[in-house]
Amino acid sequence: MKIGFLVECGPEGAETRVISHLAKMINRKMEADIIPLGNKPNLKRQCGEYAKTLLERGCNRVLIVWDLLSDWQEYEGKGCRHDDKEEICQSLSAAGLHRNDMRVRLHCIEKMLEAWIIADERALGKFLSTAAHPVSVPRNRRPEHISDPKAALTTLFKKYGGRVRQYVDRQHAIRIAERLPDLTRLRKLESFRHFETKLTT
């Protein structure tokens, strides 16, 4: 099955690389076709046009994936999933795609991708460890409740990171995700379970 993804970052951004990796962990036979749209305003405005493009390129399904909280200098308050969906549906309608077209699915991450990164302390520990200094990161059982997961990761890096003291999403998110031993921790998160369901059913 070929799945198209529209994400709110650049070509080498965290979502572009991590979403593809997680999709492969869910189903190794899955082929991912990802179009990064730069930022959340662009995604909401242009997703209809690009969803249509992905369907025309042979994708069986398209997932539009965004963070509830934007990472472009302003967090938009608490974020509003309903408003985001309405703007996305307007873009889809403008491109001739019905909002109930089951080939196109919307997925909002609570609150941002870094909540998924924090969810597995085993992968974080492996990334932050060195041969001389193994690191054991405490498990956070409620990462989706952290108000700013990106800042929380920076705090963990400062505490445990040794030479790596600052979390940089485009550099570190994929390297942590590649150290996931399995999906058991992520599957405890509601937004990840919804993501997996939208990919597979």
Protein backbone atom coordinates (compact mmCIF):
# COMPACT_ATOMS: atom_id res chain seq x y z
CA MET A 1 0.00 0.00 0.00
CA LYS A 2 1.23 3.47 -0.89
CA ILE A 3 0.44 6.18 1.67
CA GLY A 4 0.83 9.89 1.04
CA PHE A 5 1.66 12.25 3.88
CA LEU A 6 1.39 16.01 4.08
CA VAL A 7 3.39 17.46 6.98
CA GLU A 8 4.13 20.92 8.36
CA CYS A 9 7.92 21.10 8.10
CA GLY A 10 10.72 21.31 5.54
CA PRO A 11 12.22 18.48 3.44
CA GLU A 12 14.70 17.53 6.19
CA GLY A 13 12.37 18.41 9.07
CA ALA A 14 11.52 16.16 11.99
CA GLU A 15 8.02 15.20 10.80
CA THR A 16 9.20 14.42 7.27
CA ARG A 17 11.63 11.81 8.56
CA VAL A 18 9.99 10.53 11.75
CA ILE A 19 6.47 10.01 10.30
CA SER A 20 7.93 7.93 7.47
CA HIS A 21 10.00 5.86 9.93
CA LEU A 22 7.04 5.20 12.23
CA ALA A 23 4.84 4.23 9.27
CA LYS A 24 7.47 1.64 8.30
CA MET A 25 7.53 0.31 11.86
CA ILE A 26 3.76 -0.12 11.72
CA ASN A 27 3.87 -1.87 8.33
CA ARG A 28 7.20 -2.62 6.67
CA LYS A 29 5.47 -3.14 3.31
CA MET A 30 4.06 0.38 3.36
CA GLU A 31 5.44 2.81 0.78
CA ALA A 32 5.48 6.42 1.98
CA ASP A 33 5.24 9.46 -0.30
CA ILE A 34 5.77 12.60 1.80
CA ILE A 35 5.25 16.22 0.79
CA PRO A 36 6.53 18.75 3.35
CA LEU A 37 4.59 22.02 3.25
CA GLY A 38 6.94 24.12 5.35
CA ASN A 39 4.70 25.26 8.20
CA LYS A 40 1.20 24.94 9.60
CA PRO A 41 -0.37 27.95 7.79
CA ASN A 42 0.94 26.61 4.47
CA LEU A 43 -0.34 23.11 5.28
CA LYS A 44 -3.84 24.38 6.08
CA ARG A 45 -3.93 26.54 2.95
CA GLN A 46 -2.33 24.16 0.41
CA CYS A 47 -3.21 20.66 1.64
CA GLY A 48 -6.15 20.24 -0.75
CA GLU A 49 -4.04 20.83 -3.84
CA TYR A 50 -1.28 18.51 -2.64
CA ALA A 51 -3.62 15.80 -1.37
CA LYS A 52 -5.05 15.66 -4.88
CA THR A 53 -1.52 15.44 -6.28
CA LEU A 54 -0.67 12.50 -4.01
CA LEU A 55 -3.83 10.64 -5.03
CA GLU A 56 -2.97 11.24 -8.69
CA ARG A 57 0.52 9.84 -7.98
CA GLY A 58 -1.06 6.55 -6.97
CA CYS A 59 -1.41 6.85 -3.20
CA ASN A 60 -4.17 4.66 -1.81
CA ARG A 61 -4.60 7.04 1.10
CA VAL A 62 -3.37 10.47 2.17
CA LEU A 63 -2.77 11.51 5.77
CA ILE A 64 -2.60 15.20 6.60
CA VAL A 65 -0.57 15.39 9.81
CA TRP A 66 -0.03 18.46 11.95
CA ASP A 67 0.82 19.43 15.53
CA LEU A 68 -1.86 20.93 17.73
CA LEU A 69 0.72 23.51 18.82
CA SER A 70 2.65 25.16 16.05
CA ASP A 71 6.42 25.54 16.36
CA TRP A 72 6.80 28.70 14.28
CA GLN A 73 7.60 31.23 17.01
CA GLU A 74 3.97 31.40 18.17
CA TYR A 75 2.01 28.54 19.71
CA GLU A 76 -1.44 29.86 18.77
CA GLY A 77 -2.52 29.74 22.43
CA LYS A 78 -3.71 26.25 23.33
CA GLY A 79 -4.36 25.38 19.70
CA CYS A 80 -7.75 24.47 18.30
CA ARG A 81 -8.15 21.13 16.55
CA HIS A 82 -11.66 22.05 15.33
CA ASP A 83 -10.54 25.30 13.68
CA ASP A 84 -7.56 23.54 12.09
CA LYS A 85 -9.84 20.85 10.64
CA GLU A 86 -12.26 23.42 9.25
CA GLU A 87 -9.48 25.26 7.42
CA ILE A 88 -8.09 21.98 6.10
CA CYS A 89 -11.54 20.89 4.90
CA GLN A 90 -11.98 24.22 3.11
CA SER A 91 -8.70 23.59 1.28
CA LEU A 92 -9.81 20.07 0.37
CA SER A 93 -13.16 21.35 -0.93
CA ALA A 94 -11.44 24.00 -3.02
CA ALA A 95 -9.41 21.21 -4.65
CA GLY A 96 -12.55 19.20 -5.41
CA LEU A 97 -12.14 16.67 -2.61
CA HIS A 98 -15.12 15.97 -0.35
CA ARG A 99 -14.46 16.34 3.37
CA ASN A 100 -15.83 12.79 3.89
CA ASP A 101 -13.60 11.23 1.21
CA MET A 102 -12.12 8.27 3.13
CA ARG A 103 -8.99 8.35 0.99
CA VAL A 104 -7.95 11.56 2.78
CA ARG A 105 -7.57 11.43 6.55
CA LEU A 106 -6.72 14.15 9.02
CA HIS A 107 -4.49 13.61 12.02
CA CYS A 108 -3.57 16.10 14.74
CA ILE A 109 -0.71 15.18 17.10
CA GLU A 110 -1.26 16.07 20.76
CA LYS A 111 0.49 18.48 21.40
CA MET A 112 3.42 18.11 19.03
CA LEU A 113 5.66 15.39 17.60
CA GLU A 114 8.02 15.70 20.57
CA ALA A 115 5.34 14.18 22.83
CA TRP A 116 5.80 10.97 20.82
CA ILE A 117 9.61 11.27 21.11
CA ILE A 118 9.40 11.63 24.91
CA ALA A 119 7.06 8.63 25.20
CA ASP A 120 9.80 6.00 24.95
CA GLU A 121 12.47 6.54 27.57
CA ARG A 122 14.37 3.51 26.25
CA ALA A 123 15.07 5.19 22.90
CA LEU A 124 15.97 8.46 24.62
CA GLY A 125 18.35 6.64 26.94
CA LYS A 126 20.06 4.86 24.04
CA PHE A 127 20.49 8.13 22.15
CA LEU A 128 21.87 10.05 25.12
CA SER A 129 24.15 7.24 26.32
CA THR A 130 27.82 6.82 25.53
CA ALA A 131 30.01 3.77 26.10
CA ALA A 132 31.51 5.50 29.12
CA HIS A 133 28.27 7.01 30.44
CA PRO A 134 25.09 4.94 30.01
CA VAL A 135 21.96 6.99 30.62
CA SER A 136 18.69 5.84 32.14
CA VAL A 137 15.90 8.33 31.45
CA PRO A 138 12.86 8.15 33.75
CA ARG A 139 9.67 7.11 32.03
CA ASN A 140 7.05 9.81 31.47
CA ARG A 141 3.65 8.12 31.42
CA ARG A 142 1.72 11.22 30.29
CA PRO A 143 3.76 12.95 27.57
CA GLU A 144 0.63 14.24 25.83
CA HIS A 145 -0.10 16.31 28.94
CA ILE A 146 3.21 18.20 28.81
CA SER A 147 2.47 21.82 27.88
CA ASP A 148 5.66 22.21 25.79
CA PRO A 149 7.18 18.83 24.84
CA LYS A 150 10.02 20.45 22.86
CA ALA A 151 11.14 22.43 25.91
CA ALA A 152 10.82 19.26 28.02
CA LEU A 153 13.19 17.46 25.65
CA THR A 154 15.70 20.30 25.91
CA THR A 155 15.52 19.96 29.70
CA LEU A 156 16.24 16.22 29.41
CA PHE A 157 19.16 16.89 27.06
CA LYS A 158 20.66 19.40 29.50
CA LYS A 159 20.31 16.95 32.37
CA TYR A 160 21.46 13.74 30.66
CA GLY A 161 22.97 14.71 27.34
CA GLY A 162 26.65 15.21 28.10
CA ARG A 163 28.01 16.66 24.87
CA VAL A 164 24.51 16.99 23.35
CA ARG A 165 22.95 19.70 25.51
CA GLN A 166 20.34 21.20 23.20
CA TYR A 167 17.53 19.34 21.42
CA VAL A 168 17.32 20.27 17.73
CA ASP A 169 14.28 18.63 16.12
CA ARG A 170 15.58 18.27 12.56
CA GLN A 171 18.80 16.65 13.85
CA HIS A 172 17.73 14.59 16.82
CA ALA A 173 14.10 13.46 16.40
CA ILE A 174 14.84 10.86 13.73
CA ARG A 175 17.95 9.61 15.53
CA ILE A 176 15.87 8.97 18.65
CA ALA A 177 13.03 7.39 16.66
CA GLU A 178 15.51 5.02 14.98
CA ARG A 179 16.38 3.68 18.43
CA LEU A 180 12.80 2.69 19.28
CA PRO A 181 12.89 -1.02 20.13
CA ASP A 182 9.16 -1.37 19.39
CA LEU A 183 5.92 0.62 19.48
CA THR A 184 4.63 -0.47 22.89
CA ARG A 185 5.25 2.90 24.58
CA LEU A 186 3.84 4.91 21.68
CA ARG A 187 0.71 2.77 21.54
CA LYS A 188 -0.17 3.98 25.03
CA LEU A 189 -0.69 7.48 23.57
CA GLU A 190 -4.15 8.23 22.24
CA SER A 191 -2.95 10.38 19.35
CA PHE A 192 -0.50 7.69 18.21
CA ARG A 193 -3.17 4.98 18.37
CA HIS A 194 -5.40 7.16 16.18
CA PHE A 195 -2.49 7.67 13.78
CA GLU A 196 -1.94 3.91 13.47
CA THR A 197 -5.67 3.28 12.96
CA LYS A 198 -5.86 5.88 10.19
CA LEU A 199 -2.91 4.22 8.49
CA THR A 200 -4.16 0.67 8.68
CA THR A 201 -7.98 0.63 8.53
